[in-house]
C-alpha atoms as a PDB file:
ATOM      1  CA  MET A   1      15.729  56.479 -95.299  1.00  0.00           C
ATOM      2  CA  LEU A   2      18.128  55.884 -98.165  1.00  0.00           C
ATOM      3  CA  SER A   3      16.672  53.475-100.191  1.00  0.00           C
ATOM      4  CA  LYS A   4      13.470  55.516-101.505  1.00  0.00           C
ATOM      5  CA  ASN A   5      12.469  53.998-105.187  1.00  0.00           C
ATOM      6  CA  LEU A   6      14.372  57.664-107.014  1.00  0.00           C
ATOM      7  CA  ASN A   7      11.617  56.304-110.182  1.00  0.00           C
ATOM      8  CA  LYS A   8       8.502  56.964-108.547  1.00  0.00           C
ATOM      9  CA  LEU A   9       7.336  60.638-109.473  1.00  0.00           C
ATOM     10  CA  PRO A  10       6.641  62.394-108.251  1.00  0.00           C
ATOM     11  CA  ILE A  11       9.572  63.191-105.569  1.00  0.00           C
ATOM     12  CA  ASP A  12       8.743  65.060-102.440  1.00  0.00           C
ATOM     13  CA  PRO A  13      11.819  67.595-102.573  1.00  0.00           C
ATOM     14  CA  ALA A  14      12.063  67.688 -98.922  1.00  0.00           C
ATOM     15  CA  TRP A  15      13.924  64.940 -99.066  1.00  0.00           C
ATOM     16  CA  LEU A  16      16.714  65.599-101.491  1.00  0.00           C
ATOM     17  CA  LEU A  17      17.113  69.380 -99.641  1.00  0.00           C
ATOM     18  CA  PRO A  18      18.536  70.295 -96.346  1.00  0.00           C
ATOM     19  CA  HIS A  19      16.026  72.875 -96.708  1.00  0.00           C
ATOM     20  CA  ARG A  20      12.574  73.337 -94.553  1.00  0.00           C
ATOM     21  CA  ALA A  21       9.259  75.519 -94.601  1.00  0.00           C
ATOM     22  CA  PRO A  22       9.529  77.875 -94.752  1.00  0.00           C
ATOM     23  CA  MET A  23      12.369  77.690 -96.554  1.00  0.00           C
ATOM     24  CA  LEU A  24      11.727  74.685 -98.952  1.00  0.00           C
ATOM     25  CA  LEU A  25      10.201  76.823-101.876  1.00  0.00           C
ATOM     26  CA  LEU A  26      10.057  73.249-103.910  1.00  0.00           C
ATOM     27  CA  ASP A  27       6.684  71.545-103.808  1.00  0.00           C
ATOM     28  CA  ARG A  28       8.133  68.680-105.814  1.00  0.00           C
ATOM     29  CA  ILE A  29      10.498  67.025-108.059  1.00  0.00           C
ATOM     30  CA  THR A  30       8.264  66.192-111.801  1.00  0.00           C
ATOM     31  CA  ASN A  31      10.986  65.019-113.392  1.00  0.00           C
ATOM     32  CA  PHE A  32      15.289  63.636-113.932  1.00  0.00           C
ATOM     33  CA  GLY A  33      17.575  62.700-115.505  1.00  0.00           C
ATOM     34  CA  PRO A  34      21.328  62.275-116.391  1.00  0.00           C
ATOM     35  CA  GLY A  35      22.024  65.971-116.172  1.00  0.00           C
ATOM     36  CA  TRP A  36      19.224  67.656-115.880  1.00  0.00           C
ATOM     37  CA  LEU A  37      15.923  68.080-112.965  1.00  0.00           C
ATOM     38  CA  GLU A  38      12.654  69.570-112.922  1.00  0.00           C
ATOM     39  CA  ALA A  39      10.571  70.811-110.103  1.00  0.00           C
ATOM     40  CA  GLN A  40       7.432  72.042-109.424  1.00  0.00           C
ATOM     41  CA  VAL A  41       6.470  75.244-107.314  1.00  0.00           C
ATOM     42  CA  ALA A  42       2.732  76.981-106.334  1.00  0.00           C
ATOM     43  CA  HIS A  43       4.203  79.816-103.930  1.00  0.00           C
ATOM     44  CA  GLU A  44       0.505  80.907-102.551  1.00  0.00           C
ATOM     45  CA  ASN A  45       2.601  80.287 -99.368  1.00  0.00           C
ATOM     46  CA  SER A  46       5.219  81.947-100.117  1.00  0.00           C
ATOM     47  CA  PRO A  47       7.395  84.021 -97.386  1.00  0.00           C
ATOM     48  CA  PHE A  48       7.894  86.008-100.598  1.00  0.00           C
ATOM     49  CA  LYS A  49       4.841  87.321-101.234  1.00  0.00           C
ATOM     50  CA  THR A  50       3.883  90.881-100.989  1.00  0.00           C
ATOM     51  CA  SER A  51       0.557  92.595-102.254  1.00  0.00           C
ATOM     52  CA  GLU A  52       2.142  92.190-106.064  1.00  0.00           C
ATOM     53  CA  GLY A  53       2.799  88.679-105.761  1.00  0.00           C
ATOM     54  CA  ILE A  54       6.122  87.390-105.231  1.00  0.00           C
ATOM     55  CA  PRO A  55       8.741  88.551-106.360  1.00  0.00           C
ATOM     56  CA  ALA A  56      10.638  87.954-109.224  1.00  0.00           C
ATOM     57  CA  TRP A  57      14.096  87.172-108.155  1.00  0.00           C
ATOM     58  CA  VAL A  58      13.242  84.710-105.782  1.00  0.00           C
ATOM     59  CA  SER A  59      13.072  82.643-108.605  1.00  0.00           C
ATOM     60  CA  ILE A  60      16.526  82.896-108.124  1.00  0.00           C
ATOM     61  CA  GLU A  61      16.424  80.834-105.176  1.00  0.00           C
ATOM     62  CA  TYR A  62      14.075  78.151-107.071  1.00  0.00           C
ATOM     63  CA  MET A  63      16.846  77.233-109.575  1.00  0.00           C
ATOM     64  CA  ALA A  64      19.543  76.883-106.433  1.00  0.00           C
ATOM     65  CA  GLN A  65      17.398  74.722-105.236  1.00  0.00           C
ATOM     66  CA  ALA A  66      16.032  72.962-107.884  1.00  0.00           C
ATOM     67  CA  ILE A  67      19.912  72.332-108.207  1.00  0.00           C
ATOM     68  CA  CYS A  68      20.571  71.059-104.852  1.00  0.00           C
ATOM     69  CA  ALA A  69      17.832  69.033-104.735  1.00  0.00           C
ATOM     70  CA  TYR A  70      19.655  66.897-108.604  1.00  0.00           C
ATOM     71  CA  ALA A  71      22.815  66.932-105.947  1.00  0.00           C
ATOM     72  CA  GLY A  72      20.228  65.395-103.522  1.00  0.00           C
ATOM     73  CA  ILE A  73      19.354  63.168-106.591  1.00  0.00           C
ATOM     74  CA  SER A  74      22.950  61.776-106.913  1.00  0.00           C
ATOM     75  CA  CYS A  75      23.466  61.530-102.861  1.00  0.00           C
ATOM     76  CA  ARG A  76      20.241  59.439-102.200  1.00  0.00           C
ATOM     77  CA  GLN A  77      21.751  57.362-105.283  1.00  0.00           C
ATOM     78  CA  ARG A  78      25.187  56.349-104.025  1.00  0.00           C
ATOM     79  CA  GLN A  79      22.882  55.895-100.336  1.00  0.00           C
ATOM     80  CA  VAL A  80      24.619  59.073 -99.005  1.00  0.00           C
ATOM     81  CA  PRO A  81      22.188  62.014 -97.037  1.00  0.00           C
ATOM     82  CA  PRO A  82      21.919  64.875 -99.328  1.00  0.00           C
ATOM     83  CA  LYS A  83      24.461  67.644 -98.310  1.00  0.00           C
ATOM     84  CA  ILE A  84      24.659  71.707 -98.043  1.00  0.00           C
ATOM     85  CA  ALA A  85      25.209  73.489-101.070  1.00  0.00           C
ATOM     86  CA  PHE A  86      26.699  76.745-101.724  1.00  0.00           C
ATOM     87  CA  LEU A  87      25.291  79.119-103.869  1.00  0.00           C
ATOM     88  CA  LEU A  88      28.270  80.577-105.620  1.00  0.00           C
ATOM     89  CA  GLY A  89      26.792  83.040-108.128  1.00  0.00           C
ATOM     90  CA  THR A  90      24.233  84.278-110.526  1.00  0.00           C
ATOM     91  CA  ARG A  91      25.140  85.503-113.977  1.00  0.00           C
ATOM     92  CA  LEU A  92      22.613  86.982-117.649  1.00  0.00           C
ATOM     93  CA  PHE A  93      19.721  86.377-114.903  1.00  0.00           C
ATOM     94  CA  SER A  94      16.620  88.085-116.635  1.00  0.00           C
ATOM     95  CA  SER A  95      12.611  88.298-116.188  1.00  0.00           C
ATOM     96  CA  THR A  96      10.355  88.922-118.131  1.00  0.00           C
ATOM     97  CA  VAL A  97       8.007  89.308-115.388  1.00  0.00           C
ATOM     98  CA  THR A  98       9.042  92.242-112.021  1.00  0.00           C
ATOM     99  CA  HIS A  99       6.185  89.161-109.743  1.00  0.00           C
ATOM    100  CA  PHE A 100       5.092  86.075-110.529  1.00  0.00           C
ATOM    101  CA  SER A 101       1.242  85.436-109.453  1.00  0.00           C
ATOM    102  CA  ALA A 102       1.111  84.113-105.839  1.00  0.00           C
ATOM    103  CA  ASN A 103      -0.941  81.753-107.613  1.00  0.00           C
ATOM    104  CA  GLU A 104       0.666  80.950-110.249  1.00  0.00           C
ATOM    105  CA  ILE A 105       2.002  77.250-110.424  1.00  0.00           C
ATOM    106  CA  LEU A 106       5.876  77.332-112.242  1.00  0.00           C
ATOM    107  CA  LEU A 107       7.608  74.233-113.945  1.00  0.00           C
ATOM    108  CA  VAL A 108      12.394  74.765-112.665  1.00  0.00           C
ATOM    109  CA  ARG A 109      14.006  73.704-115.299  1.00  0.00           C
ATOM    110  CA  VAL A 110      17.336  73.095-114.459  1.00  0.00           C
ATOM    111  CA  GLU A 111      20.155  71.573-116.642  1.00  0.00           C
ATOM    112  CA  ALA A 112      24.285  71.110-116.073  1.00  0.00           C
ATOM    113  CA  ILE A 113      26.402  72.720-118.122  1.00  0.00           C
ATOM    114  CA  MET A 114      29.805  71.768-115.845  1.00  0.00           C
ATOM    115  CA  GLU A 115      30.385  69.326-112.846  1.00  0.00           C
ATOM    116  CA  ASP A 116      33.524  69.073-111.987  1.00  0.00           C
ATOM    117  CA  ASN A 117      35.702  67.321-108.801  1.00  0.00           C
ATOM    118  CA  SER A 118      35.556  69.380-106.278  1.00  0.00           C
ATOM    119  CA  GLY A 119      32.249  69.348-106.210  1.00  0.00           C
ATOM    120  CA  ILE A 120      31.806  72.979-108.355  1.00  0.00           C
ATOM    121  CA  SER A 121      29.097  72.762-111.384  1.00  0.00           C
ATOM    122  CA  LEU A 122      27.507  75.354-113.638  1.00  0.00           C
ATOM    123  CA  PHE A 123      24.125  74.800-114.423  1.00  0.00           C
ATOM    124  CA  HIS A 124      21.969  76.860-116.926  1.00  0.00           C
ATOM    125  CA  SER A 125      17.936  77.168-115.490  1.00  0.00           C
ATOM    126  CA  GLN A 126      14.647  78.630-116.380  1.00  0.00           C
ATOM    127  CA  VAL A 127      11.293  79.456-114.358  1.00  0.00           C
ATOM    128  CA  LEU A 128       8.342  78.542-117.182  1.00  0.00           C
ATOM    129  CA  SER A 129       4.669  79.010-116.543  1.00  0.00           C
ATOM    130  CA  THR A 130       1.935  77.189-117.379  1.00  0.00           C
ATOM    131  CA  GLY A 131       2.072  76.765-121.250  1.00  0.00           C
ATOM    132  CA  ASN A 132       5.720  76.811-120.608  1.00  0.00           C
ATOM    133  CA  THR A 133       6.395  80.452-121.230  1.00  0.00           C
ATOM    134  CA  LEU A 134       9.600  81.821-120.160  1.00  0.00           C
ATOM    135  CA  GLN A 135       9.568  83.319-116.752  1.00  0.00           C
ATOM    136  CA  ALA A 136      13.418  83.821-116.109  1.00  0.00           C
ATOM    137  CA  GLU A 137      16.162  82.226-116.346  1.00  0.00           C
ATOM    138  CA  ALA A 138      20.163  81.980-115.195  1.00  0.00           C
ATOM    139  CA  GLN A 139      23.635  80.392-115.042  1.00  0.00           C
ATOM    140  CA  ILE A 140      23.599  79.540-111.053  1.00  0.00           C
ATOM    141  CA  LYS A 141      27.051  78.471-109.859  1.00  0.00           C
ATOM    142  CA  GLY A 142      27.576  76.884-106.668  1.00  0.00           C
ATOM    143  CA  ILE A 143      29.047  74.194-104.433  1.00  0.00           C
ATOM    144  CA  MET A 144      28.806  71.015-102.455  1.00  0.00           C
ATOM    145  CA  PRO A 145      32.148  70.221-101.053  1.00  0.00           C
ATOM    146  CA  GLU A 146      33.067  67.407 -99.211  1.00  0.00           C
ATOM    147  CA  ASP A 147      33.610  68.698 -95.629  1.00  0.00           C
ATOM    148  CA  THR A 148      30.991  71.808 -95.465  1.00  0.00           C
ATOM    149  CA  ALA A 149      32.226  72.274 -91.607  1.00  0.00           C
ATOM    150  CA  ASP A 150      35.686  72.659 -93.042  1.00  0.00           C
ATOM    151  CA  PHE A 151      34.682  75.229 -96.013  1.00  0.00           C
ATOM    152  CA  ILE A 152      32.871  77.445 -94.141  1.00  0.00           C
ATOM    153  CA  ARG A 153      35.557  77.096 -91.143  1.00  0.00           C
ATOM    154  CA  LYS A 154      38.243  78.098 -94.455  1.00  0.00           C
ATOM    155  CA  THR A 155      36.166  81.240 -95.434  1.00  0.00           C
ATOM    156  CA  GLN A 156      35.972  82.674 -92.310  1.00  0.00           C
END
């Protein structure tokens, strides 16, 4: 269904991302606009859950999926299905915690710093706990190639 209304929030991230359970880690897209997106993660059933909670490094994937959801919105606005994207790198990652509580609901915010016509983008990304307390942040660089099969073939 390509014509679903993007103005009705929240949006199911499965409509915007190629990911599926158990690796679809975002629960809902709560808001978005030109150059930014916010998503919610309620990770009590996370495949990464340990006795200490969810390791903070998993937030890199939360950020990457939020960026991919942002790109998925752009695809849906153009009436095309979302494409596969690739995480190219992470810079300046920091976290104020080693683990997130499994019953904690997190807000993931991503804001475009740079997007170019080749499909490469750079985003400032944050993970916040209830009360907007910063838990983790990073710059995430990714690519959404026009032809995924060709991109994979060229990188092998």
